PDB file of N, CA and C in Angstrom:
ATOM      1  N   SER A   1      10.343 -48.234  39.789  1.00  0.00           N
ATOM      2  CA  SER A   1      11.731 -48.097  40.176  1.00  0.00           C
ATOM      3  C   SER A   1      12.281 -48.993  41.135  1.00  0.00           C
ATOM      4  N   ILE A   2      13.153 -49.576  41.195  1.00  0.00           N
ATOM      5  CA  ILE A   2      13.416 -50.749  42.277  1.00  0.00           C
ATOM      6  C   ILE A   2      13.231 -50.055  43.809  1.00  0.00           C
ATOM      7  N   ASN A   3      13.330 -48.674  43.892  1.00  0.00           N
ATOM      8  CA  ASN A   3      13.244 -48.466  45.148  1.00  0.00           C
ATOM      9  C   ASN A   3      11.616 -48.126  45.633  1.00  0.00           C
ATOM     10  N   ALA A   4      10.944 -47.756  44.344  1.00  0.00           N
ATOM     11  CA  ALA A   4       9.910 -47.893  44.724  1.00  0.00           C
ATOM     12  C   ALA A   4       9.248 -49.373  44.984  1.00  0.00           C
ATOM     13  N   GLN A   5       9.494 -49.876  44.315  1.00  0.00           N
ATOM     14  CA  GLN A   5       9.267 -51.740  44.757  1.00  0.00           C
ATOM     15  C   GLN A   5       9.560 -52.089  46.097  1.00  0.00           C
ATOM     16  N   LEU A   6      11.029 -51.872  46.775  1.00  0.00           N
ATOM     17  CA  LEU A   6      11.373 -52.053  47.643  1.00  0.00           C
ATOM     18  C   LEU A   6      10.345 -51.509  49.112  1.00  0.00           C
ATOM     19  N   ALA A   7      10.136 -50.108  48.631  1.00  0.00           N
ATOM     20  CA  ALA A   7       9.501 -49.355  49.478  1.00  0.00           C
ATOM     21  C   ALA A   7       7.761 -50.281  49.734  1.00  0.00           C
ATOM     22  N   HIS A   8       7.322 -50.759  48.864  1.00  0.00           N
ATOM     23  CA  HIS A   8       6.121 -51.194  48.455  1.00  0.00           C
ATOM     24  C   HIS A   8       6.515 -52.494  49.404  1.00  0.00           C
ATOM     25  N   SER A   9       7.486 -53.651  48.804  1.00  0.00           N
ATOM     26  CA  SER A   9       7.601 -54.877  49.684  1.00  0.00           C
ATOM     27  C   SER A   9       7.638 -54.740  51.296  1.00  0.00           C
ATOM     28  N   ARG A  10       8.513 -53.578  51.377  1.00  0.00           N
ATOM     29  CA  ARG A  10       8.694 -53.166  53.015  1.00  0.00           C
ATOM     30  C   ARG A  10       7.239 -53.055  53.680  1.00  0.00           C
ATOM     31  N   SER A  11       6.043 -52.175  52.724  1.00  0.00           N
ATOM     32  CA  SER A  11       4.879 -52.113  53.767  1.00  0.00           C
ATOM     33  C   SER A  11       4.116 -53.268  53.532  1.00  0.00           C
ATOM     34  N   LEU A  12       4.376 -54.037  52.816  1.00  0.00           N
ATOM     35  CA  LEU A  12       3.266 -55.390  52.615  1.00  0.00           C
ATOM     36  C   LEU A  12       3.676 -56.133  53.642  1.00  0.00           C
ATOM     37  N   MET A  13       4.809 -56.137  54.162  1.00  0.00           N
ATOM     38  CA  MET A  13       5.835 -57.217  54.981  1.00  0.00           C
ATOM     39  C   MET A  13       5.218 -56.275  56.538  1.00  0.00           C
ATOM     40  N   LYS A  14       5.194 -55.406  56.619  1.00  0.00           N
ATOM     41  CA  LYS A  14       4.703 -54.635  57.802  1.00  0.00           C
ATOM     42  C   LYS A  14       2.921 -54.802  58.047  1.00  0.00           C
ATOM     43  N   VAL A  15       2.339 -55.134  56.832  1.00  0.00           N
ATOM     44  CA  VAL A  15       0.836 -55.413  56.837  1.00  0.00           C
ATOM     45  C   VAL A  15       0.990 -56.852  57.796  1.00  0.00           C
ATOM     46  N   MET A  16       1.562 -57.824  56.961  1.00  0.00           N
ATOM     47  CA  MET A  16       1.789 -59.316  57.328  1.00  0.00           C
ATOM     48  C   MET A  16       2.282 -59.057  58.792  1.00  0.00           C
ATOM     49  N   GLY A  17       3.028 -58.441  59.160  1.00  0.00           N
ATOM     50  CA  GLY A  17       3.163 -58.210  60.886  1.00  0.00           C
ATOM     51  C   GLY A  17       2.246 -58.186  61.604  1.00  0.00           C
ATOM     52  N   HIS A  18       1.126 -57.354  61.240  1.00  0.00           N
ATOM     53  CA  HIS A  18       0.071 -57.288  62.357  1.00  0.00           C
ATOM     54  C   HIS A  18      -0.610 -58.701  62.829  1.00  0.00           C
ATOM     55  N   LYS A  19      -0.790 -58.417  63.710  1.00  0.00           N
ATOM     56  CA  LYS A  19      -1.485 -59.687  64.521  1.00  0.00           C
ATOM     57  C   LYS A  19      -2.939 -60.144  64.020  1.00  0.00           C
ATOM     58  N   CYS A  20      -3.599 -58.993  64.413  1.00  0.00           N
ATOM     59  CA  CYS A  20      -5.006 -59.523  64.179  1.00  0.00           C
ATOM     60  C   CYS A  20      -5.613 -58.711  63.003  1.00  0.00           C
ATOM     61  N   ALA A  21      -6.898 -59.711  62.530  1.00  0.00           N
ATOM     62  CA  ALA A  21      -7.551 -59.454  61.259  1.00  0.00           C
ATOM     63  C   ALA A  21      -7.647 -58.203  60.660  1.00  0.00           C
ATOM     64  N   ALA A  22      -8.384 -57.314  61.473  1.00  0.00           N
ATOM     65  CA  ALA A  22      -9.238 -55.894  61.529  1.00  0.00           C
ATOM     66  C   ALA A  22      -7.562 -55.154  61.080  1.00  0.00           C
ATOM     67  N   ALA A  23      -6.821 -55.092  61.716  1.00  0.00           N
ATOM     68  CA  ALA A  23      -5.518 -54.263  61.073  1.00  0.00           C
ATOM     69  C   ALA A  23      -4.686 -54.632  59.909  1.00  0.00           C
ATOM     70  N   LYS A  24      -4.534 -56.104  59.955  1.00  0.00           N
ATOM     71  CA  LYS A  24      -4.142 -56.414  58.654  1.00  0.00           C
ATOM     72  C   LYS A  24      -5.073 -55.959  57.390  1.00  0.00           C
ATOM     73  N   ILE A  25      -6.465 -56.201  57.532  1.00  0.00           N
ATOM     74  CA  ILE A  25      -7.044 -55.675  56.400  1.00  0.00           C
ATOM     75  C   ILE A  25      -7.273 -54.602  56.213  1.00  0.00           C
ATOM     76  N   ALA A  26      -7.099 -53.597  56.760  1.00  0.00           N
ATOM     77  CA  ALA A  26      -6.954 -51.971  57.099  1.00  0.00           C
ATOM     78  C   ALA A  26      -5.949 -51.398  56.538  1.00  0.00           C
ATOM     79  N   SER A  27      -4.887 -52.357  56.943  1.00  0.00           N
ATOM     80  CA  SER A  27      -3.535 -51.771  56.252  1.00  0.00           C
ATOM     81  C   SER A  27      -3.287 -51.860  54.962  1.00  0.00           C
ATOM     82  N   PHE A  28      -4.227 -53.188  54.544  1.00  0.00           N
ATOM     83  CA  PHE A  28      -3.747 -53.745  53.317  1.00  0.00           C
ATOM     84  C   PHE A  28      -4.693 -52.759  52.617  1.00  0.00           C
ATOM     85  N   ILE A  29      -5.699 -52.705  52.664  1.00  0.00           N
ATOM     86  CA  ILE A  29      -6.929 -51.477  51.601  1.00  0.00           C
ATOM     87  C   ILE A  29      -5.927 -50.203  51.868  1.00  0.00           C
ATOM     88  N   GLN A  30      -5.455 -49.772  52.790  1.00  0.00           N
ATOM     89  CA  GLN A  30      -4.405 -48.574  52.870  1.00  0.00           C
ATOM     90  C   GLN A  30      -3.433 -48.415  51.434  1.00  0.00           C
ATOM     91  N   LEU A  31      -3.003 -49.904  51.539  1.00  0.00           N
ATOM     92  CA  LEU A  31      -1.472 -50.236  50.888  1.00  0.00           C
ATOM     93  C   LEU A  31      -2.208 -50.088  49.438  1.00  0.00           C
ATOM     94  N   ILE A  32      -3.296 -51.008  49.269  1.00  0.00           N
ATOM     95  CA  ILE A  32      -3.456 -51.049  47.668  1.00  0.00           C
ATOM     96  C   ILE A  32      -3.978 -49.755  46.859  1.00  0.00           C
ATOM     97  N   ILE A  33      -4.398 -48.780  47.847  1.00  0.00           N
ATOM     98  CA  ILE A  33      -5.229 -47.764  47.375  1.00  0.00           C
ATOM     99  C   ILE A  33      -3.657 -46.669  47.218  1.00  0.00           C
ATOM    100  N   PRO A  34      -3.774 -46.010  46.075  1.00  0.00           N
ATOM    101  CA  PRO A  34      -2.793 -44.847  45.971  1.00  0.00           C
ATOM    102  C   PRO A  34      -2.634 -43.791  47.062  1.00  0.00           C
ATOM    103  N   SER A  35      -1.799 -43.490  47.728  1.00  0.00           N
ATOM    104  CA  SER A  35      -1.826 -42.178  48.524  1.00  0.00           C
ATOM    105  C   SER A  35      -2.479 -41.248  48.328  1.00  0.00           C
ATOM    106  N   SER A  36      -1.791 -40.775  46.836  1.00  0.00           N
ATOM    107  CA  SER A  36      -2.371 -39.608  46.340  1.00  0.00           C
ATOM    108  C   SER A  36      -3.810 -40.102  45.996  1.00  0.00           C
ATOM    109  N   GLU A  37      -4.724 -40.921  46.383  1.00  0.00           N
ATOM    110  CA  GLU A  37      -6.125 -40.995  46.027  1.00  0.00           C
ATOM    111  C   GLU A  37      -6.689 -41.065  47.259  1.00  0.00           C
ATOM    112  N   HIS A  38      -5.819 -40.916  48.447  1.00  0.00           N
ATOM    113  CA  HIS A  38      -6.699 -40.979  50.119  1.00  0.00           C
ATOM    114  C   HIS A  38      -7.275 -39.567  50.281  1.00  0.00           C
ATOM    115  N   GLY A  39      -8.679 -39.908  50.446  1.00  0.00           N
ATOM    116  CA  GLY A  39      -9.360 -38.859  50.910  1.00  0.00           C
ATOM    117  C   GLY A  39     -10.805 -39.151  49.328  1.00  0.00           C
ATOM    118  N   HIS A  40     -10.214 -39.537  48.472  1.00  0.00           N
ATOM    119  CA  HIS A  40     -11.519 -39.695  47.503  1.00  0.00           C
ATOM    120  C   HIS A  40     -11.978 -41.020  48.117  1.00  0.00           C
ATOM    121  N   LYS A  41     -13.624 -41.442  47.479  1.00  0.00           N
ATOM    122  CA  LYS A  41     -14.140 -42.503  48.227  1.00  0.00           C
ATOM    123  C   LYS A  41     -14.517 -43.587  47.302  1.00  0.00           C
ATOM    124  N   ARG A  42     -14.296 -43.501  45.826  1.00  0.00           N
ATOM    125  CA  ARG A  42     -14.728 -44.874  45.528  1.00  0.00           C
ATOM    126  C   ARG A  42     -13.437 -45.233  44.705  1.00  0.00           C
ATOM    127  N   PHE A  43     -13.281 -46.633  44.788  1.00  0.00           N
ATOM    128  CA  PHE A  43     -12.425 -47.457  43.887  1.00  0.00           C
ATOM    129  C   PHE A  43     -12.679 -48.554  43.477  1.00  0.00           C
ATOM    130  N   THR A  44     -12.001 -49.304  42.297  1.00  0.00           N
ATOM    131  CA  THR A  44     -12.167 -50.314  41.757  1.00  0.00           C
ATOM    132  C   THR A  44     -11.250 -51.294  43.019  1.00  0.00           C
ATOM    133  N   LEU A  45     -11.585 -52.584  43.240  1.00  0.00           N
ATOM    134  CA  LEU A  45     -11.394 -53.991  44.586  1.00  0.00           C
ATOM    135  C   LEU A  45     -10.279 -54.442  43.413  1.00  0.00           C
ATOM    136  N   PRO A  46      -8.962 -54.732  43.418  1.00  0.00           N
ATOM    137  CA  PRO A  46      -8.521 -55.341  42.147  1.00  0.00           C
ATOM    138  C   PRO A  46      -8.339 -56.859  42.981  1.00  0.00           C
ATOM    139  N   PHE A  47      -8.592 -57.363  44.094  1.00  0.00           N
ATOM    140  CA  PHE A  47      -8.709 -58.260  44.566  1.00  0.00           C
ATOM    141  C   PHE A  47      -9.884 -59.253  45.144  1.00  0.00           C
ATOM    142  N   SER A  48     -10.395 -60.427  44.655  1.00  0.00           N
ATOM    143  CA  SER A  48     -11.107 -60.740  45.309  1.00  0.00           C
ATOM    144  C   SER A  48     -11.166 -60.914  47.078  1.00  0.00           C
ATOM    145  N   ARG A  49     -12.302 -61.261  47.892  1.00  0.00           N
ATOM    146  CA  ARG A  49     -11.894 -61.554  49.283  1.00  0.00           C
ATOM    147  C   ARG A  49     -11.037 -62.743  49.627  1.00  0.00           C
ATOM    148  N   GLY A  50     -11.567 -63.728  48.744  1.00  0.00           N
ATOM    149  CA  GLY A  50     -10.373 -64.848  48.997  1.00  0.00           C
ATOM    150  C   GLY A  50      -8.783 -64.498  48.585  1.00  0.00           C
ATOM    151  N   GLU A  51      -8.457 -63.709  47.487  1.00  0.00           N
ATOM    152  CA  GLU A  51      -7.523 -63.197  47.196  1.00  0.00           C
ATOM    153  C   GLU A  51      -6.863 -62.855  48.368  1.00  0.00           C
ATOM    154  N   ILE A  52      -7.633 -61.650  49.051  1.00  0.00           N
ATOM    155  CA  ILE A  52      -7.222 -60.641  49.917  1.00  0.00           C
ATOM    156  C   ILE A  52      -6.574 -61.559  51.062  1.00  0.00           C
ATOM    157  N   ALA A  53      -7.552 -62.757  51.615  1.00  0.00           N
ATOM    158  CA  ALA A  53      -7.443 -63.922  52.457  1.00  0.00           C
ATOM    159  C   ALA A  53      -5.987 -64.451  52.244  1.00  0.00           C
ATOM    160  N   ASN A  54      -5.840 -64.795  51.094  1.00  0.00           N
ATOM    161  CA  ASN A  54      -4.334 -65.495  50.635  1.00  0.00           C
ATOM    162  C   ASN A  54      -3.274 -64.859  50.996  1.00  0.00           C
ATOM    163  N   LEU A  55      -3.453 -63.574  50.428  1.00  0.00           N
ATOM    164  CA  LEU A  55      -2.283 -62.682  50.685  1.00  0.00           C
ATOM    165  C   LEU A  55      -2.156 -62.222  51.833  1.00  0.00           C
ATOM    166  N   LEU A  56      -2.930 -62.388  52.890  1.00  0.00           N
ATOM    167  CA  LEU A  56      -2.982 -61.915  54.551  1.00  0.00           C
ATOM    168  C   LEU A  56      -2.871 -63.065  55.130  1.00  0.00           C
ATOM    169  N   GLY A  57      -2.818 -64.503  54.770  1.00  0.00           N
ATOM    170  CA  GLY A  57      -2.621 -65.507  55.696  1.00  0.00           C
ATOM    171  C   GLY A  57      -4.281 -65.421  56.777  1.00  0.00           C
ATOM    172  N   LEU A  58      -5.490 -65.357  55.827  1.00  0.00           N
ATOM    173  CA  LEU A  58      -6.537 -65.086  56.650  1.00  0.00           C
ATOM    174  C   LEU A  58      -7.494 -66.337  56.131  1.00  0.00           C
ATOM    175  N   SER A  59      -8.248 -66.585  56.782  1.00  0.00           N
ATOM    176  CA  SER A  59      -9.706 -67.180  56.001  1.00  0.00           C
ATOM    177  C   SER A  59     -10.421 -66.029  55.147  1.00  0.00           C
ATOM    178  N   GLU A  60     -10.992 -66.673  54.149  1.00  0.00           N
ATOM    179  CA  GLU A  60     -11.907 -65.881  53.357  1.00  0.00           C
ATOM    180  C   GLU A  60     -13.411 -65.232  54.333  1.00  0.00           C
ATOM    181  N   GLU A  61     -13.454 -66.514  55.139  1.00  0.00           N
ATOM    182  CA  GLU A  61     -14.313 -66.049  56.219  1.00  0.00           C
ATOM    183  C   GLU A  61     -14.253 -65.011  57.273  1.00  0.00           C
ATOM    184  N   THR A  62     -12.895 -64.896  57.706  1.00  0.00           N
ATOM    185  CA  THR A  62     -12.674 -63.771  58.669  1.00  0.00           C
ATOM    186  C   THR A  62     -12.492 -62.697  57.723  1.00  0.00           C
ATOM    187  N   VAL A  63     -11.904 -62.397  56.379  1.00  0.00           N
ATOM    188  CA  VAL A  63     -12.106 -61.313  55.604  1.00  0.00           C
ATOM    189  C   VAL A  63     -13.244 -60.739  55.742  1.00  0.00           C
ATOM    190  N   CYS A  64     -14.376 -61.504  55.030  1.00  0.00           N
ATOM    191  CA  CYS A  64     -15.728 -61.256  54.907  1.00  0.00           C
ATOM    192  C   CYS A  64     -16.346 -60.520  56.276  1.00  0.00           C
ATOM    193  N   ARG A  65     -16.271 -61.324  57.314  1.00  0.00           N
ATOM    194  CA  ARG A  65     -16.766 -60.914  58.712  1.00  0.00           C
ATOM    195  C   ARG A  65     -15.952 -59.522  59.092  1.00  0.00           C
ATOM    196  N   GLN A  66     -14.829 -59.565  58.961  1.00  0.00           N
ATOM    197  CA  GLN A  66     -13.930 -58.077  59.281  1.00  0.00           C
ATOM    198  C   GLN A  66     -14.541 -56.924  58.675  1.00  0.00           C
ATOM    199  N   MET A  67     -14.484 -57.288  57.207  1.00  0.00           N
ATOM    200  CA  MET A  67     -15.050 -56.208  56.190  1.00  0.00           C
ATOM    201  C   MET A  67     -16.939 -56.063  56.416  1.00  0.00           C
ATOM    202  N   ALA A  68     -17.222 -56.620  56.911  1.00  0.00           N
ATOM    203  CA  ALA A  68     -18.854 -56.494  57.439  1.00  0.00           C
ATOM    204  C   ALA A  68     -18.453 -55.755  58.868  1.00  0.00           C
ATOM    205  N   LYS A  69     -17.852 -55.793  59.549  1.00  0.00           N
ATOM    206  CA  LYS A  69     -17.816 -55.181  61.146  1.00  0.00           C
ATOM    207  C   LYS A  69     -17.230 -53.677  60.681  1.00  0.00           C
ATOM    208  N   MET A  70     -16.547 -53.432  59.655  1.00  0.00           N
ATOM    209  CA  MET A  70     -16.235 -51.971  59.188  1.00  0.00           C
ATOM    210  C   MET A  70     -16.987 -51.637  58.314  1.00  0.00           C
ATOM    211  N   LYS A  71     -18.112 -52.137  57.439  1.00  0.00           N
ATOM    212  CA  LYS A  71     -19.117 -51.508  57.490  1.00  0.00           C
ATOM    213  C   LYS A  71     -20.383 -50.967  57.990  1.00  0.00           C
ATOM    214  N   ARG A  72     -20.228 -51.961  59.146  1.00  0.00           N
ATOM    215  CA  ARG A  72     -21.336 -51.703  60.380  1.00  0.00           C
ATOM    216  C   ARG A  72     -20.907 -50.283  61.312  1.00  0.00           C
ATOM    217  N   ARG A  73     -19.527 -50.228  61.060  1.00  0.00           N
ATOM    218  CA  ARG A  73     -19.069 -49.028  61.940  1.00  0.00           C
ATOM    219  C   ARG A  73     -18.976 -47.652  61.080  1.00  0.00           C
ATOM    220  N   GLY A  74     -19.621 -47.908  59.872  1.00  0.00           N
ATOM    221  CA  GLY A  74     -19.554 -46.751  58.717  1.00  0.00           C
ATOM    222  C   GLY A  74     -18.295 -46.167  58.415  1.00  0.00           C
ATOM    223  N   ILE A  75     -17.366 -47.442  58.407  1.00  0.00           N
ATOM    224  CA  ILE A  75     -15.729 -47.126  57.818  1.00  0.00           C
ATOM    225  C   ILE A  75     -15.706 -47.376  56.371  1.00  0.00           C
ATOM    226  N   LEU A  76     -16.474 -48.281  55.696  1.00  0.00           N
ATOM    227  CA  LEU A  76     -16.385 -48.797  54.127  1.00  0.00           C
ATOM    228  C   LEU A  76     -17.759 -49.661  53.858  1.00  0.00           C
ATOM    229  N   TYR A  77     -17.382 -49.455  52.283  1.00  0.00           N
ATOM    230  CA  TYR A  77     -18.767 -50.442  51.862  1.00  0.00           C
ATOM    231  C   TYR A  77     -17.803 -51.073  50.452  1.00  0.00           C
ATOM    232  N   ALA A  78     -18.206 -52.403  50.402  1.00  0.00           N
ATOM    233  CA  ALA A  78     -17.142 -52.952  49.795  1.00  0.00           C
ATOM    234  C   ALA A  78     -18.234 -54.040  49.073  1.00  0.00           C
ATOM    235  N   PRO A  79     -19.360 -53.465  48.075  1.00  0.00           N
ATOM    236  CA  PRO A  79     -19.848 -54.465  47.075  1.00  0.00           C
ATOM    237  C   PRO A  79     -19.090 -55.351  46.113  1.00  0.00           C
ATOM    238  N   ARG A  80     -19.250 -56.295  45.628  1.00  0.00           N
ATOM    239  CA  ARG A  80     -18.086 -57.022  44.827  1.00  0.00           C
ATOM    240  C   ARG A  80     -17.617 -56.254  43.870  1.00  0.00           C
ATOM    241  N   GLY A  81     -16.387 -56.313  43.788  1.00  0.00           N
ATOM    242  CA  GLY A  81     -15.518 -55.549  42.937  1.00  0.00           C
ATOM    243  C   GLY A  81     -15.044 -54.200  43.080  1.00  0.00           C
ATOM    244  N   LYS A  82     -15.852 -53.492  44.080  1.00  0.00           N
ATOM    245  CA  LYS A  82     -15.552 -51.896  44.273  1.00  0.00           C
ATOM    246  C   LYS A  82     -15.304 -52.184  45.954  1.00  0.00           C
ATOM    247  N   ILE A  83     -14.817 -51.030  46.070  1.00  0.00           N
ATOM    248  CA  ILE A  83     -14.749 -50.450  47.748  1.00  0.00           C
ATOM    249  C   ILE A  83     -14.940 -49.001  47.926  1.00  0.00           C
ATOM    250  N   GLU A  84     -15.762 -48.808  48.912  1.00  0.00           N
ATOM    251  CA  GLU A  84     -16.038 -47.289  48.979  1.00  0.00           C
ATOM    252  C   GLU A  84     -15.407 -46.524  50.337  1.00  0.00           C
ATOM    253  N   ILE A  85     -14.784 -45.962  50.668  1.00  0.00           N
ATOM    254  CA  ILE A  85     -14.091 -45.778  52.126  1.00  0.00           C
ATOM    255  C   ILE A  85     -15.050 -44.677  52.439  1.00  0.00           C
ATOM    256  N   LEU A  86     -15.579 -44.571  53.345  1.00  0.00           N
ATOM    257  CA  LEU A  86     -16.457 -43.692  54.255  1.00  0.00           C
ATOM    258  C   LEU A  86     -15.913 -42.832  54.857  1.00  0.00           C
ATOM    259  N   ASP A  87     -15.056 -43.438  55.779  1.00  0.00           N
ATOM    260  CA  ASP A  87     -14.323 -42.528  57.109  1.00  0.00           C
ATOM    261  C   ASP A  87     -12.603 -43.344  56.882  1.00  0.00           C
ATOM    262  N   TRP A  88     -11.851 -42.179  56.298  1.00  0.00           N
ATOM    263  CA  TRP A  88     -10.531 -42.314  56.349  1.00  0.00           C
ATOM    264  C   TRP A  88      -9.743 -42.412  57.670  1.00  0.00           C
ATOM    265  N   ASP A  89     -10.045 -41.678  58.147  1.00  0.00           N
ATOM    266  CA  ASP A  89      -9.997 -41.368  59.933  1.00  0.00           C
ATOM    267  C   ASP A  89     -10.074 -42.937  60.630  1.00  0.00           C
ATOM    268  N   GLN A  90     -11.324 -43.199  60.412  1.00  0.00           N
ATOM    269  CA  GLN A  90     -11.475 -44.775  61.219  1.00  0.00           C
ATOM    270  C   GLN A  90     -10.708 -45.563  60.584  1.00  0.00           C
ATOM    271  N   LEU A  91     -10.353 -45.703  59.333  1.00  0.00           N
ATOM    272  CA  LEU A  91      -9.859 -46.896  58.665  1.00  0.00           C
ATOM    273  C   LEU A  91      -8.430 -46.835  59.331  1.00  0.00           C
ATOM    274  N   GLU A  92      -7.835 -45.714  59.136  1.00  0.00           N
ATOM    275  CA  GLU A  92      -6.436 -45.382  59.996  1.00  0.00           C
ATOM    276  C   GLU A  92      -6.436 -45.943  61.118  1.00  0.00           C
ATOM    277  N   THR A  93      -7.290 -45.483  61.681  1.00  0.00           N
ATOM    278  CA  THR A  93      -7.562 -45.892  63.481  1.00  0.00           C
ATOM    279  C   THR A  93      -7.540 -47.610  63.788  1.00  0.00           C
ATOM    280  N   VAL A  94      -8.469 -48.204  62.490  1.00  0.00           N
ATOM    281  CA  VAL A  94      -8.401 -49.612  62.997  1.00  0.00           C
ATOM    282  C   VAL A  94      -6.831 -50.270  62.505  1.00  0.00           C
ATOM    283  N   ALA A  95      -6.023 -49.776  61.203  1.00  0.00           N
ATOM    284  CA  ALA A  95      -4.901 -50.424  60.701  1.00  0.00           C
ATOM    285  C   ALA A  95      -4.068 -50.070  61.963  1.00  0.00           C
ATOM    286  N   ASN A  96      -4.023 -49.232  63.014  1.00  0.00           N
ATOM    287  CA  ASN A  96      -3.025 -49.011  63.840  1.00  0.00           C
ATOM    288  C   ASN A  96      -3.900 -49.123  65.484  1.00  0.00           C
ATOM    289  N   GLU A  97      -4.984 -50.090  65.350  1.00  0.00           N
ATOM    290  CA  GLU A  97      -5.110 -50.507  66.453  1.00  0.00           C
ATOM    291  C   GLU A  97      -4.545 -52.054  67.196  1.00  0.00           C
ATOM    292  N   PRO A  98      -3.819 -51.937  68.456  1.00  0.00           N
ATOM    293  CA  PRO A  98      -3.404 -52.759  69.069  1.00  0.00           C
ATOM    294  C   PRO A  98      -4.404 -54.000  69.058  1.00  0.00           C
ATOM    295  N   CYS A  99      -4.054 -54.948  68.949  1.00  0.00           N
ATOM    296  CA  CYS A  99      -4.918 -56.384  69.019  1.00  0.00           C
ATOM    297  C   CYS A  99      -5.289 -57.073  70.104  1.00  0.00           C
ATOM    298  N   PRO A 100      -6.593 -57.053  70.459  1.00  0.00           N
ATOM    299  CA  PRO A 100      -6.513 -57.798  71.861  1.00  0.00           C
ATOM    300  C   PRO A 100      -5.543 -59.038  72.451  1.00  0.00           C
ATOM    301  N   SER A 101      -5.345 -59.012  73.628  1.00  0.00           N
ATOM    302  CA  SER A 101      -4.375 -59.999  74.138  1.00  0.00           C
ATOM    303  C   SER A 101      -5.321 -61.366  74.176  1.00  0.00           C
TER     304      SER A 101
END
């Protein structure tokens, strides 16, 4: 429906409004996984890191670096083409973290 498309567009604009890379990426991951699936662990990642970088206005290296940091923090594991959310609460925290000044 048009309302659903508008809501999705608003959500994507909110993601783009984040100033720091980690919050953008975490919010984007939450956005592309349907809320009905939150709490589940494994998903197909429909975008490459390069595509995510382009969509979010980041470099591919930044996306890779930030996802590696989230992996080290035990938040997610993202081998090629897949993503496993290990800690939904931490992903939410990163998505809402204020960016360092």
